[in-house]
Amino acid sequence: MAESPNDVVVVMSTVPDNSGAAKLARILVDERLCACVNVIGNVQSYFNYDGGAADEAEQLAIIKTTRGKVDALLARITELHPYEVPEALVLPITTGLPGYLAWVVGEVSAPRDQE
């Protein structure tokens, strides 16, 4: 079944540095696992891990895709990500500009470019 603009979701993931974020973004877009990735720099994360408090400077990747691509996208993030436990949160979209939502669906539905 073809996806509709109602199937658009946002996936958020943090990465340790800008070069890693750029590499991840480029691969995900090139492989048509998502339509777009915004990278927001200088995010300071505070968390507990391995029994202790931690804080890290990170980059936040905001990834726009469709429900149908989520499983493949999460698998690829897991494969490419440097963290043992990468963050990947899938957030539903309740509404948006119809043209933009249709563009996201069209981008992830298009065949990959031949190299």
N, C-alpha and C. Protein backbone atom coordinates (compact mmCIF):
# COMPACT_ATOMS: atom_id res chain seq x y z
N MET A 1 0.84 -1.17 0.00
CA MET A 1 0.00 0.00 0.00
C MET A 1 0.89 1.25 0.00
N ALA A 2 0.55 2.21 -0.83
CA ALA A 2 1.33 3.45 -0.92
C ALA A 2 1.13 4.28 0.34
N GLU A 3 2.19 4.93 0.75
CA GLU A 3 2.11 5.76 1.95
C GLU A 3 1.51 7.12 1.59
N SER A 4 0.90 7.73 2.59
CA SER A 4 0.28 9.04 2.40
C SER A 4 0.97 10.04 3.31
N PRO A 5 0.68 11.33 3.13
CA PRO A 5 1.26 12.33 4.02
C PRO A 5 0.95 12.08 5.49
N ASN A 6 -0.11 11.35 5.80
CA ASN A 6 -0.42 11.01 7.20
C ASN A 6 0.57 10.03 7.79
N ASP A 7 1.44 9.43 6.98
CA ASP A 7 2.40 8.44 7.44
C ASP A 7 3.76 9.05 7.78
N VAL A 8 3.91 10.36 7.72
CA VAL A 8 5.19 11.00 8.01
C VAL A 8 5.46 10.98 9.52
N VAL A 9 6.71 10.68 9.88
CA VAL A 9 7.16 10.69 11.27
C VAL A 9 8.50 11.42 11.34
N VAL A 10 8.89 11.79 12.55
CA VAL A 10 10.19 12.38 12.80
C VAL A 10 10.96 11.43 13.71
N VAL A 11 12.22 11.19 13.40
CA VAL A 11 13.09 10.38 14.24
C VAL A 11 14.19 11.30 14.75
N MET A 12 14.42 11.27 16.05
CA MET A 12 15.48 12.08 16.65
C MET A 12 16.59 11.16 17.12
N SER A 13 17.83 11.57 16.84
CA SER A 13 18.99 10.80 17.28
C SER A 13 20.12 11.77 17.58
N THR A 14 20.87 11.50 18.64
CA THR A 14 22.04 12.31 18.94
C THR A 14 23.29 11.56 18.49
N VAL A 15 24.29 12.33 18.07
CA VAL A 15 25.58 11.78 17.66
C VAL A 15 26.67 12.63 18.30
N PRO A 16 27.87 12.06 18.47
CA PRO A 16 28.89 12.75 19.26
C PRO A 16 29.53 13.97 18.62
N ASP A 17 29.57 14.04 17.29
CA ASP A 17 30.26 15.18 16.68
C ASP A 17 29.66 15.51 15.32
N ASN A 18 30.02 16.68 14.81
CA ASN A 18 29.44 17.17 13.57
C ASN A 18 29.81 16.31 12.36
N SER A 19 31.03 15.82 12.30
CA SER A 19 31.40 15.00 11.13
C SER A 19 30.62 13.69 11.13
N GLY A 20 30.40 13.11 12.30
CA GLY A 20 29.60 11.89 12.39
C GLY A 20 28.15 12.16 12.03
N ALA A 21 27.63 13.29 12.46
CA ALA A 21 26.25 13.66 12.13
C ALA A 21 26.09 13.88 10.63
N ALA A 22 27.06 14.57 10.03
CA ALA A 22 26.99 14.82 8.59
C ALA A 22 27.07 13.52 7.80
N LYS A 23 27.94 12.62 8.21
CA LYS A 23 28.08 11.33 7.53
C LYS A 23 26.78 10.53 7.64
N LEU A 24 26.24 10.45 8.85
CA LEU A 24 24.99 9.73 9.07
C LEU A 24 23.88 10.33 8.22
N ALA A 25 23.75 11.65 8.24
CA ALA A 25 22.70 12.33 7.48
C ALA A 25 22.81 12.03 5.99
N ARG A 26 24.02 12.16 5.45
CA ARG A 26 24.22 11.95 4.01
C ARG A 26 23.86 10.52 3.60
N ILE A 27 24.27 9.54 4.39
CA ILE A 27 23.97 8.14 4.06
C ILE A 27 22.47 7.90 4.11
N LEU A 28 21.80 8.37 5.15
CA LEU A 28 20.37 8.13 5.29
C LEU A 28 19.57 8.76 4.16
N VAL A 29 19.96 9.98 3.76
CA VAL A 29 19.28 10.66 2.65
C VAL A 29 19.61 9.96 1.34
N ASP A 30 20.89 9.65 1.10
CA ASP A 30 21.29 9.00 -0.16
C ASP A 30 20.62 7.65 -0.34
N GLU A 31 20.42 6.93 0.76
CA GLU A 31 19.78 5.62 0.68
C GLU A 31 18.25 5.71 0.69
N ARG A 32 17.73 6.93 0.67
CA ARG A 32 16.28 7.20 0.64
C ARG A 32 15.55 6.59 1.84
N LEU A 33 16.26 6.49 2.96
CA LEU A 33 15.62 6.06 4.19
C LEU A 33 14.89 7.22 4.85
N CYS A 34 15.19 8.42 4.41
CA CYS A 34 14.53 9.62 4.90
C CYS A 34 14.58 10.67 3.80
N ALA A 35 13.78 11.71 3.97
CA ALA A 35 13.77 12.80 3.00
C ALA A 35 14.75 13.90 3.38
N CYS A 36 14.97 14.07 4.68
CA CYS A 36 15.75 15.22 5.14
C CYS A 36 16.27 14.95 6.55
N VAL A 37 17.45 15.46 6.83
CA VAL A 37 18.00 15.43 8.19
C VAL A 37 18.48 16.83 8.53
N ASN A 38 17.98 17.37 9.62
CA ASN A 38 18.50 18.63 10.15
C ASN A 38 19.45 18.27 11.28
N VAL A 39 20.63 18.89 11.29
CA VAL A 39 21.59 18.66 12.36
C VAL A 39 21.72 19.95 13.17
N ILE A 40 21.43 19.82 14.44
CA ILE A 40 21.52 20.96 15.35
C ILE A 40 22.74 20.73 16.23
N GLY A 41 23.67 21.65 16.19
CA GLY A 41 24.92 21.50 16.92
C GLY A 41 24.84 22.02 18.34
N ASN A 42 25.88 21.67 19.08
CA ASN A 42 26.07 22.17 20.44
C ASN A 42 24.92 21.85 21.37
N VAL A 43 24.45 20.61 21.31
CA VAL A 43 23.44 20.13 22.24
C VAL A 43 24.18 19.51 23.42
N GLN A 44 23.85 19.90 24.62
CA GLN A 44 24.47 19.33 25.80
C GLN A 44 23.51 18.34 26.42
N SER A 45 23.91 17.08 26.50
CA SER A 45 23.05 16.02 27.03
C SER A 45 23.54 15.62 28.42
N TYR A 46 22.59 15.45 29.33
CA TYR A 46 22.86 15.02 30.70
C TYR A 46 22.09 13.73 30.93
N PHE A 47 22.77 12.69 31.41
CA PHE A 47 22.14 11.40 31.56
C PHE A 47 22.94 10.53 32.52
N ASN A 48 22.34 9.41 32.90
CA ASN A 48 23.04 8.39 33.67
C ASN A 48 23.32 7.22 32.75
N TYR A 49 24.54 6.67 32.86
CA TYR A 49 24.90 5.54 31.99
C TYR A 49 26.00 4.75 32.69
N ASP A 50 25.92 3.44 32.61
CA ASP A 50 26.90 2.56 33.24
C ASP A 50 27.10 2.88 34.72
N GLY A 51 25.99 3.20 35.38
CA GLY A 51 26.03 3.41 36.82
C GLY A 51 26.50 4.76 37.28
N GLY A 52 26.68 5.70 36.36
CA GLY A 52 27.16 7.01 36.78
C GLY A 52 26.57 8.14 35.97
N ALA A 53 26.70 9.33 36.51
CA ALA A 53 26.22 10.52 35.82
C ALA A 53 27.19 10.88 34.70
N ALA A 54 26.63 11.37 33.61
CA ALA A 54 27.44 11.78 32.46
C ALA A 54 26.84 13.01 31.82
N ASP A 55 27.66 13.76 31.16
CA ASP A 55 27.18 14.84 30.29
C ASP A 55 28.12 14.91 29.10
N GLU A 56 27.54 15.08 27.95
CA GLU A 56 28.30 15.07 26.70
C GLU A 56 27.79 16.15 25.76
N ALA A 57 28.72 16.76 25.03
CA ALA A 57 28.35 17.64 23.93
C ALA A 57 28.01 16.75 22.75
N GLU A 58 26.87 16.99 22.13
CA GLU A 58 26.42 16.16 21.03
C GLU A 58 25.80 17.02 19.94
N GLN A 59 25.48 16.38 18.84
CA GLN A 59 24.74 16.97 17.74
C GLN A 59 23.39 16.25 17.70
N LEU A 60 22.32 16.97 17.45
CA LEU A 60 20.99 16.37 17.37
C LEU A 60 20.56 16.27 15.91
N ALA A 61 20.28 15.06 15.46
CA ALA A 61 19.78 14.83 14.11
C ALA A 61 18.27 14.69 14.18
N ILE A 62 17.57 15.52 13.41
CA ILE A 62 16.12 15.45 13.30
C ILE A 62 15.83 14.93 11.90
N ILE A 63 15.28 13.73 11.84
CA ILE A 63 15.17 12.96 10.60
C ILE A 63 13.71 12.83 10.21
N LYS A 64 13.35 13.24 8.98
CA LYS A 64 11.99 13.13 8.50
C LYS A 64 11.86 11.95 7.55
N THR A 65 10.92 11.05 7.87
CA THR A 65 10.72 9.85 7.08
C THR A 65 9.26 9.43 7.16
N THR A 66 8.98 8.19 6.75
CA THR A 66 7.62 7.66 6.82
C THR A 66 7.61 6.40 7.69
N ARG A 67 6.44 6.04 8.15
CA ARG A 67 6.29 4.84 8.99
C ARG A 67 6.85 3.61 8.29
N GLY A 68 6.67 3.52 6.99
CA GLY A 68 7.13 2.37 6.24
C GLY A 68 8.64 2.23 6.18
N LYS A 69 9.37 3.31 6.40
CA LYS A 69 10.83 3.29 6.37
C LYS A 69 11.46 3.18 7.76
N VAL A 70 10.65 3.26 8.81
CA VAL A 70 11.19 3.34 10.17
C VAL A 70 12.06 2.14 10.51
N ASP A 71 11.60 0.93 10.26
CA ASP A 71 12.40 -0.24 10.65
C ASP A 71 13.76 -0.25 9.97
N ALA A 72 13.78 0.01 8.67
CA ALA A 72 15.05 0.03 7.93
C ALA A 72 15.92 1.19 8.41
N LEU A 73 15.32 2.34 8.68
CA LEU A 73 16.06 3.50 9.17
C LEU A 73 16.69 3.21 10.52
N LEU A 74 15.93 2.65 11.45
CA LEU A 74 16.47 2.33 12.78
C LEU A 74 17.59 1.30 12.69
N ALA A 75 17.42 0.32 11.82
CA ALA A 75 18.48 -0.69 11.63
C ALA A 75 19.75 -0.04 11.10
N ARG A 76 19.60 0.89 10.17
CA ARG A 76 20.78 1.56 9.58
C ARG A 76 21.44 2.48 10.60
N ILE A 77 20.65 3.18 11.39
CA ILE A 77 21.22 4.03 12.45
C ILE A 77 22.02 3.15 13.41
N THR A 78 21.46 2.03 13.81
CA THR A 78 22.16 1.12 14.73
C THR A 78 23.47 0.64 14.12
N GLU A 79 23.45 0.34 12.84
CA GLU A 79 24.65 -0.15 12.15
C GLU A 79 25.74 0.92 12.05
N LEU A 80 25.36 2.15 11.78
CA LEU A 80 26.32 3.23 11.53
C LEU A 80 26.75 3.98 12.79
N HIS A 81 25.96 3.92 13.83
CA HIS A 81 26.15 4.78 14.99
C HIS A 81 27.33 4.34 15.84
N PRO A 82 28.12 5.29 16.36
CA PRO A 82 29.27 4.93 17.19
C PRO A 82 28.90 4.55 18.63
N TYR A 83 27.70 4.90 19.08
CA TYR A 83 27.32 4.60 20.46
C TYR A 83 26.88 3.15 20.60
N GLU A 84 27.18 2.57 21.77
CA GLU A 84 26.71 1.22 22.09
C GLU A 84 25.18 1.17 22.13
N VAL A 85 24.58 2.23 22.68
CA VAL A 85 23.12 2.34 22.75
C VAL A 85 22.73 3.69 22.13
N PRO A 86 22.53 3.71 20.81
CA PRO A 86 22.17 4.99 20.17
C PRO A 86 20.75 5.42 20.54
N GLU A 87 20.58 6.73 20.60
CA GLU A 87 19.24 7.28 20.77
C GLU A 87 18.56 7.26 19.41
N ALA A 88 17.33 6.79 19.38
CA ALA A 88 16.50 6.88 18.18
C ALA A 88 15.05 6.85 18.65
N LEU A 89 14.43 8.00 18.63
CA LEU A 89 13.04 8.15 19.07
C LEU A 89 12.18 8.49 17.87
N VAL A 90 11.09 7.76 17.69
CA VAL A 90 10.17 8.00 16.58
C VAL A 90 8.97 8.78 17.11
N LEU A 91 8.75 9.95 16.53
CA LEU A 91 7.68 10.83 16.98
C LEU A 91 6.63 10.96 15.88
N PRO A 92 5.35 10.79 16.22
CA PRO A 92 4.31 10.94 15.21
C PRO A 92 4.12 12.42 14.86
N ILE A 93 3.69 12.66 13.66
CA ILE A 93 3.34 14.00 13.21
C ILE A 93 1.82 14.08 13.15
N THR A 94 1.24 15.05 13.83
CA THR A 94 -0.22 15.16 13.83
C THR A 94 -0.74 15.98 12.66
N THR A 95 0.07 16.94 12.21
CA THR A 95 -0.33 17.74 11.05
C THR A 95 0.90 18.47 10.54
N GLY A 96 0.78 19.02 9.37
CA GLY A 96 1.86 19.79 8.76
C GLY A 96 1.38 20.35 7.44
N LEU A 97 2.22 21.11 6.81
CA LEU A 97 1.84 21.64 5.50
C LEU A 97 1.71 20.48 4.52
N PRO A 98 0.58 20.34 3.85
CA PRO A 98 0.36 19.20 2.96
C PRO A 98 1.45 19.04 1.90
N GLY A 99 1.93 20.13 1.35
CA GLY A 99 2.97 20.04 0.32
C GLY A 99 4.26 19.47 0.87
N TYR A 100 4.64 19.86 2.08
CA TYR A 100 5.86 19.34 2.68
C TYR A 100 5.72 17.87 3.01
N LEU A 101 4.61 17.48 3.61
CA LEU A 101 4.39 16.08 3.94
C LEU A 101 4.40 15.20 2.69
N ALA A 102 3.79 15.70 1.62
CA ALA A 102 3.80 14.96 0.35
C ALA A 102 5.22 14.85 -0.20
N TRP A 103 6.02 15.90 -0.03
CA TRP A 103 7.41 15.87 -0.49
C TRP A 103 8.19 14.79 0.25
N VAL A 104 8.02 14.69 1.57
CA VAL A 104 8.70 13.66 2.35
C VAL A 104 8.35 12.28 1.80
N VAL A 105 7.06 12.02 1.61
CA VAL A 105 6.62 10.73 1.09
C VAL A 105 7.24 10.47 -0.28
N GLY A 106 7.24 11.47 -1.14
CA GLY A 106 7.80 11.32 -2.47
C GLY A 106 9.29 11.02 -2.46
N GLU A 107 10.03 11.67 -1.57
CA GLU A 107 11.48 11.46 -1.50
C GLU A 107 11.84 10.06 -1.04
N VAL A 108 11.16 9.55 -0.03
CA VAL A 108 11.51 8.22 0.45
C VAL A 108 10.95 7.11 -0.44
N SER A 109 9.99 7.48 -1.29
CA SER A 109 9.39 6.51 -2.21
C SER A 109 10.14 6.42 -3.53
N ALA A 110 10.92 7.44 -3.85
CA ALA A 110 11.63 7.48 -5.13
C ALA A 110 12.74 6.44 -5.14
N PRO A 111 13.06 5.92 -6.31
CA PRO A 111 14.18 4.96 -6.38
C PRO A 111 15.49 5.67 -6.06
N ARG A 112 16.42 4.89 -5.48
CA ARG A 112 17.75 5.43 -5.19
C ARG A 112 18.44 5.81 -6.48
N ASP A 113 19.22 6.87 -6.42
CA ASP A 113 20.04 7.27 -7.58
C ASP A 113 21.07 6.20 -7.87
N GLN A 114 21.30 5.96 -9.13
CA GLN A 114 22.35 5.02 -9.52
C GLN A 114 23.69 5.72 -9.43
N GLU A 115 24.69 5.02 -9.00
CA GLU A 115 26.01 5.62 -8.84
C GLU A 115 26.85 5.39 -10.07
